[in-house]
Amino acid sequence: MSDTTRVLLIRHGQSEGNAAGRFGGHTATPLSQRGRREAEATARALLSEKDRITFVASSDLARAMETAEPLARGLKLDIYQTSAFRERSVGRLEGLTFEDAAEQHPDEYAALLRRDFEHVMTGGESYPSIAGSRIERT
């Protein structure tokens, strides 16, 4: 038995928002048909490691839970869901298409393009602000 812990990080499958070219953030968008196929394919690939996977955790957003579900089902494990794994909230840009965001909120959109991690999105978050804010204390 090894004392080494391996962590596998898997991004959610394509969401309906992704398919439509919209910002997701904390928006509760489900997976698209393609995203569901991606989740199933990922689960099939990882089930070859089933004896080494002992825990499945997910963001509490629908697209992430839908992605984790086929793997958890195949492993006969519950999914630990938490808001701590959510992606960054982009505030008022959430749900907008990239084109609409650029037109309606050019400064916010420009901050994303230049990868300004310090920028606090109006109604949203900066990356540094989420670094410790979502860690659940037990």
Protein backbone atom coordinates (compact mmCIF):
# COMPACT_ATOMS: atom_id res chain seq x y z
CA MET A 1 0.00 0.00 0.00
CA SER A 2 1.37 3.38 -1.01
CA ASP A 3 1.22 6.56 1.03
CA THR A 4 0.97 8.55 -2.18
CA THR A 5 -2.32 10.20 -3.02
CA ARG A 6 -3.06 10.84 -6.67
CA VAL A 7 -5.56 13.52 -7.55
CA LEU A 8 -7.19 13.47 -10.97
CA LEU A 9 -8.75 16.75 -12.06
CA ILE A 10 -11.40 16.59 -14.75
CA ARG A 11 -13.11 19.59 -16.24
CA HIS A 12 -16.81 19.26 -16.90
CA GLY A 13 -18.01 18.19 -20.32
CA GLN A 14 -19.35 20.69 -22.81
CA SER A 15 -22.28 22.56 -21.29
CA GLU A 16 -25.19 24.05 -23.18
CA GLY A 17 -23.65 27.43 -22.34
CA ASN A 18 -20.28 26.40 -23.80
CA ALA A 19 -22.00 25.21 -26.96
CA ALA A 20 -23.79 28.56 -27.30
CA GLY A 21 -20.59 30.58 -26.70
CA ARG A 22 -21.82 31.97 -23.38
CA PHE A 23 -20.00 32.73 -20.15
CA GLY A 24 -20.80 30.10 -17.54
CA GLY A 25 -19.34 31.03 -14.18
CA HIS A 26 -21.87 30.08 -11.52
CA THR A 27 -24.74 29.78 -13.99
CA ALA A 28 -26.46 26.42 -13.56
CA THR A 29 -26.20 25.23 -17.15
CA PRO A 30 -26.57 21.50 -17.83
CA LEU A 31 -24.38 19.46 -20.13
CA SER A 32 -25.10 19.42 -23.83
CA GLN A 33 -25.57 16.09 -25.62
CA ARG A 34 -21.88 16.24 -26.53
CA GLY A 35 -21.00 16.94 -22.89
CA ARG A 36 -22.95 13.88 -21.74
CA ARG A 37 -21.07 11.74 -24.28
CA GLU A 38 -17.78 13.23 -23.02
CA ALA A 39 -18.72 12.39 -19.41
CA GLU A 40 -19.56 8.80 -20.34
CA ALA A 41 -16.31 8.42 -22.33
CA THR A 42 -14.28 9.82 -19.43
CA ALA A 43 -15.95 7.40 -17.02
CA ARG A 44 -15.23 4.44 -19.32
CA ALA A 45 -11.57 5.46 -19.58
CA LEU A 46 -11.17 5.88 -15.82
CA LEU A 47 -12.98 2.69 -14.85
CA SER A 48 -9.83 0.81 -15.85
CA GLU A 49 -8.37 2.43 -12.71
CA LYS A 50 -11.37 1.53 -10.54
CA ASP A 51 -9.31 -0.18 -7.85
CA ARG A 52 -7.27 3.00 -7.40
CA ILE A 53 -10.13 5.54 -7.32
CA THR A 54 -11.68 5.81 -3.87
CA PHE A 55 -13.36 9.21 -3.85
CA VAL A 56 -15.26 11.38 -6.32
CA ALA A 57 -15.76 15.09 -5.64
CA SER A 58 -17.44 17.71 -7.78
CA SER A 59 -18.53 21.30 -7.92
CA ASP A 60 -22.18 21.58 -6.97
CA LEU A 61 -23.06 23.06 -10.37
CA ALA A 62 -25.22 20.91 -12.65
CA ARG A 63 -22.66 20.57 -15.46
CA ALA A 64 -19.98 19.32 -13.06
CA MET A 65 -22.29 16.94 -11.23
CA GLU A 66 -23.52 15.52 -14.54
CA THR A 67 -19.90 14.96 -15.57
CA ALA A 68 -19.00 13.17 -12.32
CA GLU A 69 -22.13 11.02 -12.20
CA PRO A 70 -21.20 8.31 -14.77
CA LEU A 71 -17.86 7.74 -13.06
CA ALA A 72 -19.36 7.65 -9.57
CA ARG A 73 -22.09 5.28 -10.76
CA GLY A 74 -19.52 2.96 -12.34
CA LEU A 75 -17.43 2.99 -9.17
CA LYS A 76 -20.49 2.66 -6.91
CA LEU A 77 -19.39 5.77 -5.01
CA ASP A 78 -21.28 8.82 -3.85
CA ILE A 79 -20.26 12.22 -5.16
CA TYR A 80 -19.03 14.71 -2.61
CA GLN A 81 -20.34 18.00 -3.93
CA THR A 82 -19.16 21.42 -2.83
CA SER A 83 -19.30 25.02 -3.96
CA ALA A 84 -15.54 25.17 -3.21
CA PHE A 85 -14.86 23.66 -6.64
CA ARG A 86 -16.92 26.16 -8.60
CA GLU A 87 -15.21 28.11 -11.31
CA ARG A 88 -14.82 31.86 -11.02
CA SER A 89 -17.98 33.94 -11.08
CA VAL A 90 -17.79 36.46 -13.91
CA GLY A 91 -20.66 38.46 -12.43
CA ARG A 92 -22.71 40.44 -14.90
CA LEU A 93 -21.05 38.66 -17.83
CA GLU A 94 -22.59 35.31 -16.86
CA GLY A 95 -25.02 34.05 -19.45
CA LEU A 96 -23.94 36.60 -22.05
CA THR A 97 -22.40 35.54 -25.33
CA PHE A 98 -18.80 36.57 -25.75
CA GLU A 99 -19.87 39.10 -28.40
CA ASP A 100 -22.58 40.60 -26.16
CA ALA A 101 -20.16 40.81 -23.23
CA ALA A 102 -17.58 42.64 -25.39
CA GLU A 103 -20.22 45.10 -26.56
CA GLN A 104 -22.10 45.69 -23.30
CA HIS A 105 -19.17 45.55 -20.84
CA PRO A 106 -15.97 46.25 -22.80
CA ASP A 107 -13.78 46.95 -19.74
CA GLU A 108 -14.78 43.72 -18.02
CA TYR A 109 -14.33 41.74 -21.22
CA ALA A 110 -10.91 43.32 -21.85
CA ALA A 111 -9.80 42.34 -18.33
CA LEU A 112 -10.63 38.72 -19.14
CA LEU A 113 -8.78 38.84 -22.46
CA ARG A 114 -5.62 40.24 -20.92
CA ARG A 115 -5.90 37.63 -18.12
CA ASP A 116 -5.96 40.25 -15.39
CA PHE A 117 -6.27 37.90 -12.43
CA GLU A 118 -6.46 40.80 -9.97
CA HIS A 119 -9.51 42.35 -11.65
CA VAL A 120 -12.71 41.99 -9.64
CA MET A 121 -15.59 41.33 -12.01
CA THR A 122 -18.63 43.53 -11.32
CA GLY A 123 -20.93 41.27 -9.35
CA GLY A 124 -18.33 38.51 -9.58
CA GLU A 125 -14.91 37.55 -8.32
CA SER A 126 -11.20 38.00 -8.89
CA TYR A 127 -9.02 34.90 -8.78
CA PRO A 128 -7.22 35.96 -5.57
CA SER A 129 -10.56 36.54 -3.83
CA ILE A 130 -11.62 32.93 -4.37
CA ALA A 131 -8.31 31.31 -3.44
CA GLY A 132 -9.15 30.91 0.24
CA SER A 133 -12.77 31.92 0.39
CA ARG A 134 -14.23 28.60 -0.71
CA ILE A 135 -12.24 26.26 1.47
CA GLU A 136 -14.62 24.58 3.85
CA ARG A 137 -13.42 24.53 7.42
CA THR A 138 -14.18 21.42 9.46
